[in-house]
Amino acid sequence: MNITTTVHGTSARISPCGEIDFDTLPPLRAAVDALPLQVTDLQWDLALTPFMDVAGLHLLFTPTAGGAPERRATVIGLRTQPLSLLRVAADMNPTIFDLTRLLPDVPPADLRPAAP
């Protein structure tokens, strides 16, 4: 997996290229851990991430380790499969998997699966 990190002041964008699973979770966490302390807004650009399993949920929703600053995380560039996984997780537990926080630019109606 290739990971590109861009920092501008208090904002950072991490752009992974490849699937997010338990094998790629450690380098993605390392990219977050390597961010400067002044970064308060983290944007995940998942445009080049065609697949994400439950490891992606851990990455996006697990709080930072002790001592690390709290960061507001958002996601852009979601492809079909990762978005479907997020929708299922939110349907199962909307309190923990709050997509309105993670995807603030997406209207709530667009976060629901299409009716059969």
PDB file of N, CA and C in Angstrom:
ATOM      1  N   MET A   1       0.844  -1.179   0.000  1.00  0.00           N
ATOM      2  CA  MET A   1       0.000   0.000   0.000  1.00  0.00           C
ATOM      3  C   MET A   1       0.885   1.236   0.000  1.00  0.00           C
ATOM      4  N   ASN A   2       0.527   2.184  -0.840  1.00  0.00           N
ATOM      5  CA  ASN A   2       1.180   3.488  -0.847  1.00  0.00           C
ATOM      6  C   ASN A   2       0.310   4.449  -0.052  1.00  0.00           C
ATOM      7  N   ILE A   3       0.951   5.270   0.770  1.00  0.00           N
ATOM      8  CA  ILE A   3       0.228   6.235   1.592  1.00  0.00           C
ATOM      9  C   ILE A   3       0.866   7.602   1.370  1.00  0.00           C
ATOM     10  N   THR A   4       0.046   8.562   0.981  1.00  0.00           N
ATOM     11  CA  THR A   4       0.513   9.938   0.796  1.00  0.00           C
ATOM     12  C   THR A   4      -0.100  10.789   1.898  1.00  0.00           C
ATOM     13  N   THR A   5       0.748  11.540   2.571  1.00  0.00           N
ATOM     14  CA  THR A   5       0.294  12.439   3.630  1.00  0.00           C
ATOM     15  C   THR A   5       0.662  13.862   3.265  1.00  0.00           C
ATOM     16  N   THR A   6      -0.313  14.749   3.363  1.00  0.00           N
ATOM     17  CA  THR A   6      -0.109  16.165   3.093  1.00  0.00           C
ATOM     18  C   THR A   6      -0.577  16.947   4.319  1.00  0.00           C
ATOM     19  N   VAL A   7       0.280  17.842   4.810  1.00  0.00           N
ATOM     20  CA  VAL A   7      -0.053  18.658   5.981  1.00  0.00           C
ATOM     21  C   VAL A   7      -0.019  20.124   5.594  1.00  0.00           C
ATOM     22  N   HIS A   8      -1.086  20.839   5.975  1.00  0.00           N
ATOM     23  CA  HIS A   8      -1.179  22.288   5.779  1.00  0.00           C
ATOM     24  C   HIS A   8      -1.652  22.885   7.096  1.00  0.00           C
ATOM     25  N   GLY A   9      -0.727  23.400   7.878  1.00  0.00           N
ATOM     26  CA  GLY A   9      -1.082  24.014   9.159  1.00  0.00           C
ATOM     27  C   GLY A   9      -1.702  23.000  10.104  1.00  0.00           C
ATOM     28  N   THR A  10      -2.977  23.215  10.467  1.00  0.00           N
ATOM     29  CA  THR A  10      -3.657  22.325  11.410  1.00  0.00           C
ATOM     30  C   THR A  10      -4.472  21.240  10.721  1.00  0.00           C
ATOM     31  N   SER A  11      -4.359  21.151   9.398  1.00  0.00           N
ATOM     32  CA  SER A  11      -5.098  20.140   8.634  1.00  0.00           C
ATOM     33  C   SER A  11      -4.135  19.180   7.944  1.00  0.00           C
ATOM     34  N   ALA A  12      -4.572  17.932   7.840  1.00  0.00           N
ATOM     35  CA  ALA A  12      -3.786  16.917   7.133  1.00  0.00           C
ATOM     36  C   ALA A  12      -4.719  16.066   6.296  1.00  0.00           C
ATOM     37  N   ARG A  13      -4.181  15.580   5.175  1.00  0.00           N
ATOM     38  CA  ARG A  13      -4.913  14.642   4.326  1.00  0.00           C
ATOM     39  C   ARG A  13      -4.043  13.403   4.165  1.00  0.00           C
ATOM     40  N   ILE A  14      -4.638  12.250   4.445  1.00  0.00           N
ATOM     41  CA  ILE A  14      -3.959  10.974   4.222  1.00  0.00           C
ATOM     42  C   ILE A  14      -4.693  10.268   3.096  1.00  0.00           C
ATOM     43  N   SER A  15      -3.935   9.887   2.071  1.00  0.00           N
ATOM     44  CA  SER A  15      -4.504   9.253   0.874  1.00  0.00           C
ATOM     45  C   SER A  15      -3.866   7.885   0.672  1.00  0.00           C
ATOM     46  N   PRO A  16      -4.533   6.826   1.134  1.00  0.00           N
ATOM     47  CA  PRO A  16      -4.005   5.484   0.878  1.00  0.00           C
ATOM     48  C   PRO A  16      -4.358   5.032  -0.531  1.00  0.00           C
ATOM     49  N   CYS A  17      -3.493   4.229  -1.104  1.00  0.00           N
ATOM     50  CA  CYS A  17      -3.735   3.652  -2.420  1.00  0.00           C
ATOM     51  C   CYS A  17      -3.711   2.140  -2.253  1.00  0.00           C
ATOM     52  N   GLY A  18      -4.877   1.526  -2.262  1.00  0.00           N
ATOM     53  CA  GLY A  18      -4.984   0.089  -2.066  1.00  0.00           C
ATOM     54  C   GLY A  18      -6.085  -0.237  -1.076  1.00  0.00           C
ATOM     55  N   GLU A  19      -6.233  -1.510  -0.805  1.00  0.00           N
ATOM     56  CA  GLU A  19      -7.280  -1.987   0.096  1.00  0.00           C
ATOM     57  C   GLU A  19      -6.913  -1.728   1.553  1.00  0.00           C
ATOM     58  N   ILE A  20      -7.948  -1.469   2.368  1.00  0.00           N
ATOM     59  CA  ILE A  20      -7.742  -1.313   3.803  1.00  0.00           C
ATOM     60  C   ILE A  20      -8.230  -2.587   4.468  1.00  0.00           C
ATOM     61  N   ASP A  21      -7.281  -3.301   5.084  1.00  0.00           N
ATOM     62  CA  ASP A  21      -7.591  -4.525   5.823  1.00  0.00           C
ATOM     63  C   ASP A  21      -6.617  -4.614   6.999  1.00  0.00           C
ATOM     64  N   PHE A  22      -6.634  -5.731   7.718  1.00  0.00           N
ATOM     65  CA  PHE A  22      -5.783  -5.818   8.909  1.00  0.00           C
ATOM     66  C   PHE A  22      -4.298  -5.812   8.575  1.00  0.00           C
ATOM     67  N   ASP A  23      -3.917  -6.176   7.357  1.00  0.00           N
ATOM     68  CA  ASP A  23      -2.510  -6.107   6.968  1.00  0.00           C
ATOM     69  C   ASP A  23      -2.060  -4.668   6.709  1.00  0.00           C
ATOM     70  N   THR A  24      -2.964  -3.834   6.248  1.00  0.00           N
ATOM     71  CA  THR A  24      -2.595  -2.455   5.943  1.00  0.00           C
ATOM     72  C   THR A  24      -2.934  -1.486   7.073  1.00  0.00           C
ATOM     73  N   LEU A  25      -3.618  -1.958   8.101  1.00  0.00           N
ATOM     74  CA  LEU A  25      -3.974  -1.097   9.223  1.00  0.00           C
ATOM     75  C   LEU A  25      -2.748  -0.530   9.951  1.00  0.00           C
ATOM     76  N   PRO A  26      -1.722  -1.331  10.267  1.00  0.00           N
ATOM     77  CA  PRO A  26      -0.562  -0.762  10.986  1.00  0.00           C
ATOM     78  C   PRO A  26       0.129   0.401  10.264  1.00  0.00           C
ATOM     79  N   PRO A  27       0.402   0.319   8.950  1.00  0.00           N
ATOM     80  CA  PRO A  27       1.032   1.491   8.332  1.00  0.00           C
ATOM     81  C   PRO A  27       0.099   2.711   8.271  1.00  0.00           C
ATOM     82  N   LEU A  28      -1.201   2.480   8.191  1.00  0.00           N
ATOM     83  CA  LEU A  28      -2.133   3.607   8.195  1.00  0.00           C
ATOM     84  C   LEU A  28      -2.163   4.276   9.571  1.00  0.00           C
ATOM     85  N   ARG A  29      -2.159   3.472  10.616  1.00  0.00           N
ATOM     86  CA  ARG A  29      -2.093   4.031  11.975  1.00  0.00           C
ATOM     87  C   ARG A  29      -0.769   4.771  12.185  1.00  0.00           C
ATOM     88  N   ALA A  30       0.315   4.217  11.638  1.00  0.00           N
ATOM     89  CA  ALA A  30       1.624   4.874  11.754  1.00  0.00           C
ATOM     90  C   ALA A  30       1.604   6.235  11.064  1.00  0.00           C
ATOM     91  N   ALA A  31       0.898   6.334   9.931  1.00  0.00           N
ATOM     92  CA  ALA A  31       0.790   7.621   9.238  1.00  0.00           C
ATOM     93  C   ALA A  31       0.071   8.645  10.114  1.00  0.00           C
ATOM     94  N   VAL A  32      -0.955   8.207  10.815  1.00  0.00           N
ATOM     95  CA  VAL A  32      -1.681   9.102  11.730  1.00  0.00           C
ATOM     96  C   VAL A  32      -0.771   9.483  12.901  1.00  0.00           C
ATOM     97  N   ASP A  33      -0.090   8.504  13.459  1.00  0.00           N
ATOM     98  CA  ASP A  33       0.790   8.761  14.606  1.00  0.00           C
ATOM     99  C   ASP A  33       1.932   9.711  14.253  1.00  0.00           C
ATOM    100  N   ALA A  34       2.331   9.736  12.993  1.00  0.00           N
ATOM    101  CA  ALA A  34       3.445  10.589  12.555  1.00  0.00           C
ATOM    102  C   ALA A  34       3.025  12.035  12.291  1.00  0.00           C
ATOM    103  N   LEU A  35       1.728  12.310  12.353  1.00  0.00           N
ATOM    104  CA  LEU A  35       1.273  13.679  12.096  1.00  0.00           C
ATOM    105  C   LEU A  35       1.760  14.614  13.199  1.00  0.00           C
ATOM    106  N   PRO A  36       2.062  15.863  12.843  1.00  0.00           N
ATOM    107  CA  PRO A  36       2.461  16.839  13.856  1.00  0.00           C
ATOM    108  C   PRO A  36       1.341  17.052  14.883  1.00  0.00           C
ATOM    109  N   LEU A  37       1.711  17.395  16.085  1.00  0.00           N
ATOM    110  CA  LEU A  37       0.740  17.587  17.164  1.00  0.00           C
ATOM    111  C   LEU A  37      -0.264  18.694  16.866  1.00  0.00           C
ATOM    112  N   GLN A  38       0.112  19.689  16.053  1.00  0.00           N
ATOM    113  CA  GLN A  38      -0.806  20.801  15.784  1.00  0.00           C
ATOM    114  C   GLN A  38      -1.943  20.409  14.847  1.00  0.00           C
ATOM    115  N   VAL A  39      -1.889  19.235  14.227  1.00  0.00           N
ATOM    116  CA  VAL A  39      -2.962  18.813  13.318  1.00  0.00           C
ATOM    117  C   VAL A  39      -4.202  18.451  14.123  1.00  0.00           C
ATOM    118  N   THR A  40      -5.290  19.175  13.857  1.00  0.00           N
ATOM    119  CA  THR A  40      -6.552  18.935  14.546  1.00  0.00           C
ATOM    120  C   THR A  40      -7.638  18.410  13.609  1.00  0.00           C
ATOM    121  N   ASP A  41      -7.429  18.557  12.306  1.00  0.00           N
ATOM    122  CA  ASP A  41      -8.390  18.073  11.314  1.00  0.00           C
ATOM    123  C   ASP A  41      -7.693  17.098  10.379  1.00  0.00           C
ATOM    124  N   LEU A  42      -8.222  15.883  10.334  1.00  0.00           N
ATOM    125  CA  LEU A  42      -7.651  14.827   9.494  1.00  0.00           C
ATOM    126  C   LEU A  42      -8.673  14.417   8.449  1.00  0.00           C
ATOM    127  N   GLN A  43      -8.280  14.510   7.202  1.00  0.00           N
ATOM    128  CA  GLN A  43      -9.153  14.104   6.101  1.00  0.00           C
ATOM    129  C   GLN A  43      -8.569  12.849   5.454  1.00  0.00           C
ATOM    130  N   TRP A  44      -9.393  11.822   5.371  1.00  0.00           N
ATOM    131  CA  TRP A  44      -9.019  10.592   4.680  1.00  0.00           C
ATOM    132  C   TRP A  44      -9.543  10.688   3.256  1.00  0.00           C
ATOM    133  N   ASP A  45      -8.660  10.606   2.288  1.00  0.00           N
ATOM    134  CA  ASP A  45      -9.058  10.601   0.884  1.00  0.00           C
ATOM    135  C   ASP A  45      -9.009   9.149   0.412  1.00  0.00           C
ATOM    136  N   LEU A  46     -10.178   8.532   0.280  1.00  0.00           N
ATOM    137  CA  LEU A  46     -10.262   7.109  -0.056  1.00  0.00           C
ATOM    138  C   LEU A  46     -10.609   6.871  -1.526  1.00  0.00           C
ATOM    139  N   ALA A  47     -10.316   7.839  -2.371  1.00  0.00           N
ATOM    140  CA  ALA A  47     -10.623   7.710  -3.798  1.00  0.00           C
ATOM    141  C   ALA A  47      -9.894   6.535  -4.446  1.00  0.00           C
ATOM    142  N   LEU A  48      -8.744   6.152  -3.912  1.00  0.00           N
ATOM    143  CA  LEU A  48      -7.963   5.039  -4.475  1.00  0.00           C
ATOM    144  C   LEU A  48      -8.041   3.794  -3.596  1.00  0.00           C
ATOM    145  N   THR A  49      -9.115   3.715  -2.799  1.00  0.00           N
ATOM    146  CA  THR A  49      -9.342   2.568  -1.923  1.00  0.00           C
ATOM    147  C   THR A  49     -10.611   1.852  -2.383  1.00  0.00           C
ATOM    148  N   PRO A  50     -10.456   0.769  -3.170  1.00  0.00           N
ATOM    149  CA  PRO A  50     -11.630   0.087  -3.704  1.00  0.00           C
ATOM    150  C   PRO A  50     -12.321  -0.832  -2.697  1.00  0.00           C
ATOM    151  N   PHE A  51     -11.588  -1.251  -1.654  1.00  0.00           N
ATOM    152  CA  PHE A  51     -12.131  -2.221  -0.695  1.00  0.00           C
ATOM    153  C   PHE A  51     -11.676  -1.853   0.708  1.00  0.00           C
ATOM    154  N   MET A  52     -12.589  -2.046   1.664  1.00  0.00           N
ATOM    155  CA  MET A  52     -12.283  -1.814   3.073  1.00  0.00           C
ATOM    156  C   MET A  52     -13.058  -2.843   3.880  1.00  0.00           C
ATOM    157  N   ASP A  53     -12.363  -3.538   4.790  1.00  0.00           N
ATOM    158  CA  ASP A  53     -13.083  -4.457   5.674  1.00  0.00           C
ATOM    159  C   ASP A  53     -13.211  -3.804   7.049  1.00  0.00           C
ATOM    160  N   VAL A  54     -13.524  -4.588   8.054  1.00  0.00           N
ATOM    161  CA  VAL A  54     -13.759  -4.058   9.394  1.00  0.00           C
ATOM    162  C   VAL A  54     -12.549  -3.284   9.925  1.00  0.00           C
ATOM    163  N   ALA A  55     -11.372  -3.543   9.410  1.00  0.00           N
ATOM    164  CA  ALA A  55     -10.184  -2.781   9.812  1.00  0.00           C
ATOM    165  C   ALA A  55     -10.380  -1.294   9.500  1.00  0.00           C
ATOM    166  N   GLY A  56     -11.068  -0.995   8.414  1.00  0.00           N
ATOM    167  CA  GLY A  56     -11.354   0.390   8.078  1.00  0.00           C
ATOM    168  C   GLY A  56     -12.242   1.061   9.110  1.00  0.00           C
ATOM    169  N   LEU A  57     -13.186   0.291   9.670  1.00  0.00           N
ATOM    170  CA  LEU A  57     -14.029   0.831  10.737  1.00  0.00           C
ATOM    171  C   LEU A  57     -13.182   1.158  11.962  1.00  0.00           C
ATOM    172  N   HIS A  58     -12.251   0.262  12.289  1.00  0.00           N
ATOM    173  CA  HIS A  58     -11.347   0.527  13.413  1.00  0.00           C
ATOM    174  C   HIS A  58     -10.525   1.783  13.146  1.00  0.00           C
ATOM    175  N   LEU A  59     -10.031   1.918  11.952  1.00  0.00           N
ATOM    176  CA  LEU A  59      -9.203   3.061  11.596  1.00  0.00           C
ATOM    177  C   LEU A  59      -9.974   4.371  11.735  1.00  0.00           C
ATOM    178  N   LEU A  60     -11.189   4.398  11.233  1.00  0.00           N
ATOM    179  CA  LEU A  60     -11.962   5.635  11.190  1.00  0.00           C
ATOM    180  C   LEU A  60     -12.683   5.975  12.489  1.00  0.00           C
ATOM    181  N   PHE A  61     -12.977   4.967  13.318  1.00  0.00           N
ATOM    182  CA  PHE A  61     -13.812   5.219  14.492  1.00  0.00           C
ATOM    183  C   PHE A  61     -13.152   4.940  15.838  1.00  0.00           C
ATOM    184  N   THR A  62     -11.975   4.354  15.870  1.00  0.00           N
ATOM    185  CA  THR A  62     -11.315   4.090  17.143  1.00  0.00           C
ATOM    186  C   THR A  62     -10.594   5.348  17.592  1.00  0.00           C
ATOM    187  N   PRO A  63     -10.815   5.763  18.826  1.00  0.00           N
ATOM    188  CA  PRO A  63     -10.125   6.969  19.316  1.00  0.00           C
ATOM    189  C   PRO A  63      -8.610   6.810  19.263  1.00  0.00           C
ATOM    190  N   THR A  64      -7.938   7.937  19.231  1.00  0.00           N
ATOM    191  CA  THR A  64      -6.482   7.922  19.195  1.00  0.00           C
ATOM    192  C   THR A  64      -5.929   7.376  20.503  1.00  0.00           C
ATOM    193  N   ALA A  65      -4.705   6.895  20.442  1.00  0.00           N
ATOM    194  CA  ALA A  65      -4.047   6.341  21.623  1.00  0.00           C
ATOM    195  C   ALA A  65      -3.781   7.447  22.642  1.00  0.00           C
ATOM    196  N   GLY A  66      -3.593   7.048  23.888  1.00  0.00           N
ATOM    197  CA  GLY A  66      -3.340   7.996  24.958  1.00  0.00           C
ATOM    198  C   GLY A  66      -2.191   8.936  24.632  1.00  0.00           C
ATOM    199  N   GLY A  67      -2.373  10.211  24.921  1.00  0.00           N
ATOM    200  CA  GLY A  67      -1.339  11.186  24.661  1.00  0.00           C
ATOM    201  C   GLY A  67      -1.431  11.835  23.295  1.00  0.00           C
ATOM    202  N   ALA A  68      -2.082  11.179  22.346  1.00  0.00           N
ATOM    203  CA  ALA A  68      -2.232  11.749  21.003  1.00  0.00           C
ATOM    204  C   ALA A  68      -3.377  12.758  21.027  1.00  0.00           C
ATOM    205  N   PRO A  69      -3.272  13.813  20.238  1.00  0.00           N
ATOM    206  CA  PRO A  69      -4.346  14.811  20.229  1.00  0.00           C
ATOM    207  C   PRO A  69      -5.620  14.263  19.585  1.00  0.00           C
ATOM    208  N   GLU A  70      -6.752  14.773  20.055  1.00  0.00           N
ATOM    209  CA  GLU A  70      -8.027  14.437  19.418  1.00  0.00           C
ATOM    210  C   GLU A  70      -8.065  15.158  18.073  1.00  0.00           C
ATOM    211  N   ARG A  71      -8.483  14.447  17.047  1.00  0.00           N
ATOM    212  CA  ARG A  71      -8.573  15.039  15.719  1.00  0.00           C
ATOM    213  C   ARG A  71      -9.964  14.788  15.145  1.00  0.00           C
ATOM    214  N   ARG A  72     -10.478  15.778  14.463  1.00  0.00           N
ATOM    215  CA  ARG A  72     -11.750  15.611  13.765  1.00  0.00           C
ATOM    216  C   ARG A  72     -11.436  14.944  12.443  1.00  0.00           C
ATOM    217  N   ALA A  73     -11.978  13.751  12.253  1.00  0.00           N
ATOM    218  CA  ALA A  73     -11.715  12.984  11.038  1.00  0.00           C
ATOM    219  C   ALA A  73     -12.908  13.074  10.094  1.00  0.00           C
ATOM    220  N   THR A  74     -12.616  13.287   8.817  1.00  0.00           N
ATOM    221  CA  THR A  74     -13.625  13.264   7.774  1.00  0.00           C
ATOM    222  C   THR A  74     -13.105  12.407   6.624  1.00  0.00           C
ATOM    223  N   VAL A  75     -14.026  11.991   5.760  1.00  0.00           N
ATOM    224  CA  VAL A  75     -13.674  11.130   4.630  1.00  0.00           C
ATOM    225  C   VAL A  75     -14.214  11.727   3.346  1.00  0.00           C
ATOM    226  N   ILE A  76     -13.382  11.669   2.299  1.00  0.00           N
ATOM    227  CA  ILE A  76     -13.825  12.053   0.958  1.00  0.00           C
ATOM    228  C   ILE A  76     -13.468  10.925  -0.002  1.00  0.00           C
ATOM    229  N   GLY A  77     -14.067  10.951  -1.172  1.00  0.00           N
ATOM    230  CA  GLY A  77     -13.713  10.010  -2.232  1.00  0.00           C
ATOM    231  C   GLY A  77     -14.144   8.580  -2.004  1.00  0.00           C
ATOM    232  N   LEU A  78     -15.194   8.381  -1.206  1.00  0.00           N
ATOM    233  CA  LEU A  78     -15.639   7.007  -0.925  1.00  0.00           C
ATOM    234  C   LEU A  78     -16.133   6.306  -2.178  1.00  0.00           C
ATOM    235  N   ARG A  79     -15.645   5.117  -2.377  1.00  0.00           N
ATOM    236  CA  ARG A  79     -16.124   4.281  -3.474  1.00  0.00           C
ATOM    237  C   ARG A  79     -17.254   3.393  -2.962  1.00  0.00           C
ATOM    238  N   THR A  80     -17.852   2.639  -3.858  1.00  0.00           N
ATOM    239  CA  THR A  80     -19.078   1.897  -3.552  1.00  0.00           C
ATOM    240  C   THR A  80     -18.940   0.936  -2.374  1.00  0.00           C
ATOM    241  N   GLN A  81     -17.946   0.063  -2.383  1.00  0.00           N
ATOM    242  CA  GLN A  81     -17.839  -0.945  -1.323  1.00  0.00           C
ATOM    243  C   GLN A  81     -17.546  -0.321   0.044  1.00  0.00           C
ATOM    244  N   PRO A  82     -16.567   0.586   0.171  1.00  0.00           N
ATOM    245  CA  PRO A  82     -16.357   1.191   1.494  1.00  0.00           C
ATOM    246  C   PRO A  82     -17.591   1.950   2.002  1.00  0.00           C
ATOM    247  N   LEU A  83     -18.297   2.646   1.115  1.00  0.00           N
ATOM    248  CA  LEU A  83     -19.507   3.348   1.530  1.00  0.00           C
ATOM    249  C   LEU A  83     -20.569   2.359   1.999  1.00  0.00           C
ATOM    250  N   SER A  84     -20.704   1.233   1.300  1.00  0.00           N
ATOM    251  CA  SER A  84     -21.674   0.206   1.720  1.00  0.00           C
ATOM    252  C   SER A  84     -21.342  -0.326   3.105  1.00  0.00           C
ATOM    253  N   LEU A  85     -20.063  -0.568   3.362  1.00  0.00           N
ATOM    254  CA  LEU A  85     -19.649  -1.042   4.688  1.00  0.00           C
ATOM    255  C   LEU A  85     -20.001  -0.015   5.760  1.00  0.00           C
ATOM    256  N   LEU A  86     -19.739   1.255   5.506  1.00  0.00           N
ATOM    257  CA  LEU A  86     -20.070   2.299   6.473  1.00  0.00           C
ATOM    258  C   LEU A  86     -21.573   2.374   6.712  1.00  0.00           C
ATOM    259  N   ARG A  87     -22.359   2.217   5.660  1.00  0.00           N
ATOM    260  CA  ARG A  87     -23.821   2.236   5.803  1.00  0.00           C
ATOM    261  C   ARG A  87     -24.305   1.084   6.672  1.00  0.00           C
ATOM    262  N   VAL A  88     -23.773  -0.112   6.437  1.00  0.00           N
ATOM    263  CA  VAL A  88     -24.178  -1.277   7.234  1.00  0.00           C
ATOM    264  C   VAL A  88     -23.809  -1.056   8.698  1.00  0.00           C
ATOM    265  N   ALA A  89     -22.593  -0.583   8.947  1.00  0.00           N
ATOM    266  CA  ALA A  89     -22.151  -0.334  10.322  1.00  0.00           C
ATOM    267  C   ALA A  89     -23.057   0.702  10.993  1.00  0.00           C
ATOM    268  N   ALA A  90     -23.386   1.769  10.285  1.00  0.00           N
ATOM    269  CA  ALA A  90     -24.243   2.816  10.841  1.00  0.00           C
ATOM    270  C   ALA A  90     -25.651   2.306  11.103  1.00  0.00           C
ATOM    271  N   ASP A  91     -26.154   1.436  10.233  1.00  0.00           N
ATOM    272  CA  ASP A  91     -27.481   0.856  10.456  1.00  0.00           C
ATOM    273  C   ASP A  91     -27.489  -0.030  11.693  1.00  0.00           C
ATOM    274  N   MET A  92     -26.375  -0.727  11.936  1.00  0.00           N
ATOM    275  CA  MET A  92     -26.301  -1.635  13.082  1.00  0.00           C
ATOM    276  C   MET A  92     -26.119  -0.873  14.397  1.00  0.00           C
ATOM    277  N   ASN A  93     -25.320   0.211  14.361  1.00  0.00           N
ATOM    278  CA  ASN A  93     -25.077   0.978  15.577  1.00  0.00           C
ATOM    279  C   ASN A  93     -24.787   2.437  15.215  1.00  0.00           C
ATOM    280  N   PRO A  94     -25.843   3.228  15.010  1.00  0.00           N
ATOM    281  CA  PRO A  94     -25.650   4.611  14.565  1.00  0.00           C
ATOM    282  C   PRO A  94     -24.956   5.502  15.592  1.00  0.00           C
ATOM    283  N   THR A  95     -24.984   5.128  16.849  1.00  0.00           N
ATOM    284  CA  THR A  95     -24.314   5.936  17.863  1.00  0.00           C
ATOM    285  C   THR A  95     -22.803   5.829  17.727  1.00  0.00           C
ATOM    286  N   ILE A  96     -22.301   4.639  17.565  1.00  0.00           N
ATOM    287  CA  ILE A  96     -20.857   4.434  17.437  1.00  0.00           C
ATOM    288  C   ILE A  96     -20.375   4.835  16.048  1.00  0.00           C
ATOM    289  N   PHE A  97     -21.110   4.450  15.030  1.00  0.00           N
ATOM    290  CA  PHE A  97     -20.708   4.719  13.645  1.00  0.00           C
ATOM    291  C   PHE A  97     -21.509   5.906  13.110  1.00  0.00           C
ATOM    292  N   ASP A  98     -21.197   7.079  13.631  1.00  0.00           N
ATOM    293  CA  ASP A  98     -21.898   8.307  13.284  1.00  0.00           C
ATOM    294  C   ASP A  98     -21.366   8.849  11.963  1.00  0.00           C
ATOM    295  N   LEU A  99     -22.068   8.572  10.896  1.00  0.00           N
ATOM    296  CA  LEU A  99     -21.616   8.980   9.566  1.00  0.00           C
ATOM    297  C   LEU A  99     -21.784  10.473   9.333  1.00  0.00           C
ATOM    298  N   THR A 100     -22.671  11.131  10.063  1.00  0.00           N
ATOM    299  CA  THR A 100     -22.819  12.566   9.884  1.00  0.00           C
ATOM    300  C   THR A 100     -21.561  13.291  10.347  1.00  0.00           C
ATOM    301  N   ARG A 101     -20.855  12.733  11.315  1.00  0.00           N
ATOM    302  CA  ARG A 101     -19.594  13.306  11.772  1.00  0.00           C
ATOM    303  C   ARG A 101     -18.490  13.044  10.758  1.00  0.00           C
ATOM    304  N   LEU A 102     -18.462  11.825  10.254  1.00  0.00           N
ATOM    305  CA  LEU A 102     -17.398  11.394   9.351  1.00  0.00           C
ATOM    306  C   LEU A 102     -17.571  11.945   7.934  1.00  0.00           C
ATOM    307  N   LEU A 103     -18.821  12.082   7.507  1.00  0.00           N
ATOM    308  CA  LEU A 103     -19.141  12.539   6.147  1.00  0.00           C
ATOM    309  C   LEU A 103     -20.013  13.791   6.225  1.00  0.00           C
ATOM    310  N   PRO A 104     -19.481  14.901   6.731  1.00  0.00           N
ATOM    311  CA  PRO A 104     -20.324  16.076   6.978  1.00  0.00           C
ATOM    312  C   PRO A 104     -20.902  16.711   5.723  1.00  0.00           C
ATOM    313  N   ASP A 105     -20.321  16.479   4.567  1.00  0.00           N
ATOM    314  CA  ASP A 105     -20.809  17.098   3.332  1.00  0.00           C
ATOM    315  C   ASP A 105     -21.858  16.260   2.607  1.00  0.00           C
ATOM    316  N   VAL A 106     -22.170  15.077   3.149  1.00  0.00           N
ATOM    317  CA  VAL A 106     -23.146  14.198   2.510  1.00  0.00           C
ATOM    318  C   VAL A 106     -24.484  14.338   3.236  1.00  0.00           C
ATOM    319  N   PRO A 107     -25.553  14.689   2.510  1.00  0.00           N
ATOM    320  CA  PRO A 107     -26.868  14.801   3.166  1.00  0.00           C
ATOM    321  C   PRO A 107     -27.263  13.463   3.810  1.00  0.00           C
ATOM    322  N   PRO A 108     -27.880  13.481   4.998  1.00  0.00           N
ATOM    323  CA  PRO A 108     -28.253  12.251   5.681  1.00  0.00           C
ATOM    324  C   PRO A 108     -29.055  11.282   4.811  1.00  0.00           C
ATOM    325  N   ALA A 109     -29.918  11.787   3.940  1.00  0.00           N
ATOM    326  CA  ALA A 109     -30.705  10.907   3.074  1.00  0.00           C
ATOM    327  C   ALA A 109     -29.818  10.103   2.145  1.00  0.00           C
ATOM    328  N   ASP A 110     -28.671  10.656   1.754  1.00  0.00           N
ATOM    329  CA  ASP A 110     -27.749   9.950   0.859  1.00  0.00           C
ATOM    330  C   ASP A 110     -26.938   8.884   1.568  1.00  0.00           C
ATOM    331  N   LEU A 111     -26.972   8.865   2.902  1.00  0.00           N
ATOM    332  CA  LEU A 111     -26.219   7.872   3.663  1.00  0.00           C
ATOM    333  C   LEU A 111     -27.023   6.587   3.848  1.00  0.00           C
ATOM    334  N   ARG A 112     -28.286   6.625   3.551  1.00  0.00           N
ATOM    335  CA  ARG A 112     -29.128   5.436   3.695  1.00  0.00           C
ATOM    336  C   ARG A 112     -29.059   4.586   2.444  1.00  0.00           C
ATOM    337  N   PRO A 113     -29.111   3.262   2.619  1.00  0.00           N
ATOM    338  CA  PRO A 113     -29.141   2.393   1.434  1.00  0.00           C
ATOM    339  C   PRO A 113     -30.402   2.641   0.620  1.00  0.00           C
ATOM    340  N   ALA A 114     -30.303   2.430  -0.660  1.00  0.00           N
ATOM    341  CA  ALA A 114     -31.465   2.573  -1.538  1.00  0.00           C
ATOM    342  C   ALA A 114     -32.508   1.519  -1.199  1.00  0.00           C
ATOM    343  N   ALA A 115     -33.764   1.887  -1.276  1.00  0.00           N
ATOM    344  CA  ALA A 115     -34.847   0.938  -1.001  1.00  0.00           C
ATOM    345  C   ALA A 115     -34.837  -0.170  -2.048  1.00  0.00           C
ATOM    346  N   PRO A 116     -35.136  -1.421  -1.628  1.00  0.00           N
ATOM    347  CA  PRO A 116     -35.139  -2.543  -2.586  1.00  0.00           C
ATOM    348  C   PRO A 116     -36.246  -2.436  -3.605  1.00  0.00           C
TER     349      PRO A 116
END
